[in-house]
């Protein structure tokens, strides 16, 4: 996606996912696009920004911690999370509250 997310006035939440892919993960792009299409359908989803150039950084924006929890526990998302070791040699998730944006 080549745009900056159009988020509402703060406060809201950002889920920052940082990762390095394993070798031979040709199926990753399709799976990532599928996961994003699911996330966009979830209540509380506000937007997404991401880049991959060696290290991948994906930021999804949410209106509440409850919305983030619901997405984390979504059945199809849980199934994808179980396969995480296949795609990523290293990954980390950080959740933060956005107080200001400009």
N, C-alpha and C. Protein backbone atom coordinates (compact mmCIF):
# COMPACT_ATOMS: atom_id res chain seq x y z
N UNK A 1 0.86 -1.17 0.00
CA UNK A 1 0.00 0.00 0.00
C UNK A 1 0.90 1.23 0.00
N UNK A 2 0.63 2.16 -0.87
CA UNK A 2 1.50 3.32 -1.05
C UNK A 2 0.87 4.63 -0.59
N UNK A 3 0.09 4.57 0.48
CA UNK A 3 -0.50 5.80 1.00
C UNK A 3 -0.33 5.85 2.51
N UNK A 4 -0.42 7.05 3.05
CA UNK A 4 -0.41 7.22 4.50
C UNK A 4 -1.85 7.12 4.97
N UNK A 5 -2.07 6.35 6.02
CA UNK A 5 -3.43 6.13 6.54
C UNK A 5 -4.06 7.45 6.97
N UNK A 6 -5.31 7.59 6.64
CA UNK A 6 -6.08 8.77 7.03
C UNK A 6 -6.80 8.45 8.34
N UNK A 7 -6.13 8.68 9.44
CA UNK A 7 -6.66 8.34 10.76
C UNK A 7 -7.45 9.50 11.35
N UNK A 8 -8.35 9.18 12.31
CA UNK A 8 -9.13 10.24 12.95
C UNK A 8 -8.29 11.02 13.96
N UNK A 9 -8.88 12.01 14.56
CA UNK A 9 -8.20 12.74 15.62
C UNK A 9 -7.88 11.79 16.76
N UNK A 10 -6.69 11.91 17.36
CA UNK A 10 -6.34 11.06 18.50
C UNK A 10 -7.24 11.32 19.69
N UNK A 11 -7.29 10.41 20.63
CA UNK A 11 -6.42 9.24 20.74
C UNK A 11 -6.97 8.04 19.97
N UNK A 12 -6.05 7.20 19.55
CA UNK A 12 -6.34 5.89 18.98
C UNK A 12 -5.09 5.05 19.20
N UNK A 13 -5.06 3.84 18.69
CA UNK A 13 -3.96 2.91 18.98
C UNK A 13 -3.27 2.47 17.70
N UNK A 14 -1.97 2.21 17.83
CA UNK A 14 -1.17 1.69 16.72
C UNK A 14 -0.58 0.35 17.13
N UNK A 15 -0.71 -0.63 16.26
CA UNK A 15 -0.05 -1.92 16.43
C UNK A 15 1.09 -1.94 15.43
N UNK A 16 2.30 -1.99 15.95
CA UNK A 16 3.51 -1.93 15.12
C UNK A 16 4.10 -3.33 15.06
N UNK A 17 4.15 -3.89 13.86
CA UNK A 17 4.67 -5.24 13.65
C UNK A 17 5.95 -5.13 12.84
N UNK A 18 7.06 -5.51 13.45
CA UNK A 18 8.37 -5.46 12.81
C UNK A 18 8.84 -6.88 12.57
N UNK A 19 9.39 -7.16 11.37
CA UNK A 19 9.76 -8.55 11.08
C UNK A 19 10.87 -8.65 10.04
N UNK A 20 11.50 -9.83 10.06
CA UNK A 20 12.41 -10.27 9.01
C UNK A 20 11.87 -11.61 8.51
N UNK A 21 11.76 -11.75 7.19
CA UNK A 21 11.25 -12.99 6.61
C UNK A 21 12.31 -14.07 6.58
N UNK A 22 11.84 -15.31 6.65
CA UNK A 22 12.69 -16.47 6.38
C UNK A 22 12.97 -16.52 4.88
N UNK A 23 13.98 -17.28 4.50
CA UNK A 23 14.24 -17.54 3.08
C UNK A 23 13.14 -18.44 2.54
N UNK A 24 12.83 -18.29 1.27
CA UNK A 24 11.88 -19.18 0.62
C UNK A 24 10.44 -18.99 1.02
N UNK A 25 10.04 -17.78 1.30
CA UNK A 25 8.66 -17.52 1.71
C UNK A 25 7.91 -16.83 0.57
N UNK A 26 7.88 -17.49 -0.57
CA UNK A 26 7.24 -16.92 -1.76
C UNK A 26 5.75 -16.69 -1.56
N UNK A 27 5.13 -17.43 -0.64
CA UNK A 27 3.70 -17.29 -0.40
C UNK A 27 3.35 -16.14 0.54
N UNK A 28 4.37 -15.44 1.05
CA UNK A 28 4.13 -14.43 2.07
C UNK A 28 3.23 -13.29 1.60
N UNK A 29 3.48 -12.76 0.43
CA UNK A 29 2.72 -11.59 -0.04
C UNK A 29 1.23 -11.89 -0.09
N UNK A 30 0.86 -13.03 -0.62
CA UNK A 30 -0.56 -13.40 -0.72
C UNK A 30 -1.17 -13.54 0.67
N UNK A 31 -0.45 -14.14 1.58
CA UNK A 31 -0.96 -14.33 2.95
C UNK A 31 -1.09 -12.99 3.67
N UNK A 32 -0.11 -12.11 3.50
CA UNK A 32 -0.16 -10.79 4.13
C UNK A 32 -1.33 -9.98 3.59
N UNK A 33 -1.57 -10.05 2.29
CA UNK A 33 -2.70 -9.34 1.69
C UNK A 33 -4.03 -9.90 2.20
N UNK A 34 -4.09 -11.21 2.37
CA UNK A 34 -5.30 -11.85 2.91
C UNK A 34 -5.55 -11.38 4.34
N UNK A 35 -4.50 -11.38 5.17
CA UNK A 35 -4.63 -10.94 6.56
C UNK A 35 -5.10 -9.49 6.63
N UNK A 36 -4.54 -8.63 5.78
CA UNK A 36 -4.94 -7.23 5.77
C UNK A 36 -6.40 -7.09 5.34
N UNK A 37 -6.84 -7.89 4.36
CA UNK A 37 -8.24 -7.81 3.94
C UNK A 37 -9.17 -8.22 5.07
N UNK A 38 -8.76 -9.19 5.88
CA UNK A 38 -9.56 -9.57 7.06
C UNK A 38 -9.57 -8.45 8.10
N UNK A 39 -8.39 -7.87 8.37
CA UNK A 39 -8.29 -6.80 9.37
C UNK A 39 -9.18 -5.63 9.01
N UNK A 40 -9.22 -5.28 7.73
CA UNK A 40 -10.02 -4.14 7.28
C UNK A 40 -11.51 -4.34 7.55
N UNK A 41 -11.94 -5.57 7.69
CA UNK A 41 -13.36 -5.87 7.94
C UNK A 41 -13.71 -5.83 9.43
N UNK A 42 -12.71 -5.70 10.30
CA UNK A 42 -12.94 -5.77 11.73
C UNK A 42 -13.43 -4.44 12.29
N UNK A 43 -14.40 -4.50 13.21
CA UNK A 43 -14.83 -3.28 13.89
C UNK A 43 -13.63 -2.62 14.58
N UNK A 44 -13.52 -1.32 14.43
CA UNK A 44 -12.45 -0.58 15.10
C UNK A 44 -11.20 -0.40 14.26
N UNK A 45 -11.10 -1.04 13.09
CA UNK A 45 -9.94 -0.87 12.23
C UNK A 45 -9.99 0.53 11.62
N UNK A 46 -8.87 1.25 11.70
CA UNK A 46 -8.82 2.64 11.21
C UNK A 46 -7.93 2.83 10.00
N UNK A 47 -6.94 1.97 9.82
CA UNK A 47 -6.03 2.15 8.69
C UNK A 47 -4.79 1.31 8.83
N UNK A 48 -3.94 1.39 7.80
CA UNK A 48 -2.75 0.56 7.72
C UNK A 48 -1.67 1.28 6.91
N UNK A 49 -0.42 1.08 7.32
CA UNK A 49 0.75 1.52 6.57
C UNK A 49 1.80 0.43 6.71
N UNK A 50 2.53 0.18 5.65
CA UNK A 50 3.56 -0.84 5.75
C UNK A 50 4.62 -0.70 4.68
N UNK A 51 5.79 -1.22 4.99
CA UNK A 51 6.91 -1.22 4.05
C UNK A 51 7.77 -2.45 4.32
N UNK A 52 8.31 -3.01 3.26
CA UNK A 52 9.22 -4.13 3.40
C UNK A 52 10.40 -3.89 2.48
N UNK A 53 11.57 -3.78 3.09
CA UNK A 53 12.82 -3.61 2.34
C UNK A 53 13.89 -4.26 3.21
N UNK A 54 13.94 -5.57 3.20
CA UNK A 54 14.76 -6.30 4.16
C UNK A 54 13.94 -6.47 5.43
N UNK A 55 13.93 -5.46 6.28
CA UNK A 55 13.06 -5.46 7.46
C UNK A 55 11.68 -4.99 7.03
N UNK A 56 10.65 -5.63 7.56
CA UNK A 56 9.28 -5.19 7.31
C UNK A 56 8.73 -4.47 8.52
N UNK A 57 8.06 -3.37 8.27
CA UNK A 57 7.38 -2.64 9.34
C UNK A 57 5.96 -2.40 8.89
N UNK A 58 5.01 -2.91 9.66
CA UNK A 58 3.59 -2.73 9.37
C UNK A 58 2.95 -2.07 10.58
N UNK A 59 2.14 -1.06 10.32
CA UNK A 59 1.44 -0.38 11.40
C UNK A 59 -0.05 -0.40 11.07
N UNK A 60 -0.82 -1.00 11.96
CA UNK A 60 -2.28 -0.93 11.81
C UNK A 60 -2.81 -0.04 12.92
N UNK A 61 -3.88 0.69 12.61
CA UNK A 61 -4.45 1.65 13.54
C UNK A 61 -5.84 1.18 13.95
N UNK A 62 -6.13 1.35 15.24
CA UNK A 62 -7.37 0.83 15.82
C UNK A 62 -7.97 1.85 16.77
N UNK A 63 -9.29 1.79 16.92
CA UNK A 63 -9.94 2.77 17.79
C UNK A 63 -9.90 2.42 19.27
N UNK A 64 -9.55 1.17 19.60
CA UNK A 64 -9.53 0.78 21.02
C UNK A 64 -8.67 -0.46 21.22
N UNK A 65 -8.28 -0.67 22.47
CA UNK A 65 -7.58 -1.91 22.82
C UNK A 65 -8.48 -3.12 22.64
N UNK A 66 -9.76 -2.95 22.88
CA UNK A 66 -10.72 -4.04 22.67
C UNK A 66 -10.74 -4.48 21.21
N UNK A 67 -10.71 -3.53 20.29
CA UNK A 67 -10.70 -3.86 18.86
C UNK A 67 -9.42 -4.64 18.51
N UNK A 68 -8.29 -4.24 19.09
CA UNK A 68 -7.03 -4.94 18.86
C UNK A 68 -7.13 -6.37 19.39
N UNK A 69 -7.67 -6.53 20.60
CA UNK A 69 -7.84 -7.87 21.19
C UNK A 69 -8.73 -8.74 20.31
N UNK A 70 -9.81 -8.17 19.83
CA UNK A 70 -10.73 -8.93 18.98
C UNK A 70 -10.03 -9.39 17.71
N UNK A 71 -9.23 -8.52 17.12
CA UNK A 71 -8.49 -8.90 15.91
C UNK A 71 -7.46 -9.99 16.23
N UNK A 72 -6.75 -9.84 17.33
CA UNK A 72 -5.75 -10.84 17.72
C UNK A 72 -6.39 -12.21 17.87
N UNK A 73 -7.63 -12.24 18.36
CA UNK A 73 -8.32 -13.51 18.63
C UNK A 73 -9.28 -13.94 17.52
N UNK A 74 -9.28 -13.24 16.41
CA UNK A 74 -10.12 -13.61 15.27
C UNK A 74 -9.70 -15.02 14.79
N UNK A 75 -10.63 -15.94 14.58
CA UNK A 75 -10.28 -17.33 14.24
C UNK A 75 -9.34 -17.47 13.04
N UNK A 76 -9.57 -16.74 11.97
CA UNK A 76 -8.70 -16.86 10.80
C UNK A 76 -7.33 -16.23 11.06
N UNK A 77 -7.30 -15.17 11.84
CA UNK A 77 -6.03 -14.55 12.21
C UNK A 77 -5.23 -15.49 13.12
N UNK A 78 -5.92 -16.15 14.05
CA UNK A 78 -5.24 -17.13 14.92
C UNK A 78 -4.61 -18.25 14.10
N UNK A 79 -5.32 -18.72 13.07
CA UNK A 79 -4.78 -19.78 12.22
C UNK A 79 -3.51 -19.31 11.51
N UNK A 80 -3.49 -18.07 11.06
CA UNK A 80 -2.29 -17.53 10.42
C UNK A 80 -1.15 -17.37 11.43
N UNK A 81 -1.47 -16.95 12.65
CA UNK A 81 -0.45 -16.77 13.67
C UNK A 81 0.26 -18.09 14.00
N UNK A 82 -0.45 -19.20 13.91
CA UNK A 82 0.14 -20.52 14.19
C UNK A 82 1.22 -20.88 13.17
N UNK A 83 1.18 -20.24 12.01
CA UNK A 83 2.16 -20.52 10.96
C UNK A 83 3.29 -19.48 10.94
N UNK A 84 3.32 -18.64 11.95
CA UNK A 84 4.27 -17.52 11.99
C UNK A 84 5.72 -17.95 11.80
N UNK A 85 6.12 -19.07 12.40
CA UNK A 85 7.51 -19.53 12.30
C UNK A 85 7.90 -19.86 10.86
N UNK A 86 6.92 -20.21 10.04
CA UNK A 86 7.19 -20.49 8.62
C UNK A 86 7.66 -19.23 7.89
N UNK A 87 7.05 -18.08 8.19
CA UNK A 87 7.34 -16.86 7.45
C UNK A 87 8.45 -16.02 8.07
N UNK A 88 8.50 -15.92 9.39
CA UNK A 88 9.39 -14.95 10.02
C UNK A 88 10.54 -15.61 10.76
N UNK A 89 11.75 -15.09 10.53
CA UNK A 89 12.87 -15.56 11.34
C UNK A 89 12.97 -14.73 12.62
N UNK A 90 12.37 -13.55 12.57
CA UNK A 90 12.30 -12.70 13.77
C UNK A 90 11.14 -11.75 13.61
N UNK A 91 10.38 -11.55 14.69
CA UNK A 91 9.27 -10.60 14.64
C UNK A 91 8.97 -10.08 16.04
N UNK A 92 8.34 -8.92 16.07
CA UNK A 92 7.96 -8.31 17.34
C UNK A 92 6.74 -7.42 17.09
N UNK A 93 5.84 -7.43 18.07
CA UNK A 93 4.66 -6.57 18.03
C UNK A 93 4.73 -5.59 19.19
N UNK A 94 4.43 -4.35 18.88
CA UNK A 94 4.35 -3.31 19.90
C UNK A 94 3.01 -2.60 19.73
N UNK A 95 2.39 -2.28 20.84
CA UNK A 95 1.11 -1.58 20.81
C UNK A 95 1.28 -0.27 21.56
N UNK A 96 0.87 0.81 20.92
CA UNK A 96 1.01 2.11 21.57
C UNK A 96 -0.25 2.96 21.35
N UNK A 97 -0.44 3.88 22.25
CA UNK A 97 -1.55 4.83 22.14
C UNK A 97 -1.03 6.07 21.44
N UNK A 98 -1.72 6.48 20.41
CA UNK A 98 -1.35 7.69 19.68
C UNK A 98 -2.03 8.88 20.37
N UNK A 99 -1.23 9.78 20.86
CA UNK A 99 -1.72 10.96 21.55
C UNK A 99 -1.82 12.17 20.63
N UNK A 100 -0.92 12.22 19.64
CA UNK A 100 -0.88 13.34 18.69
C UNK A 100 -0.53 12.82 17.32
N UNK A 101 -1.10 13.44 16.30
CA UNK A 101 -0.59 13.25 14.95
C UNK A 101 -0.73 14.55 14.19
N UNK A 102 0.21 14.83 13.34
CA UNK A 102 0.22 16.08 12.57
C UNK A 102 1.08 15.94 11.34
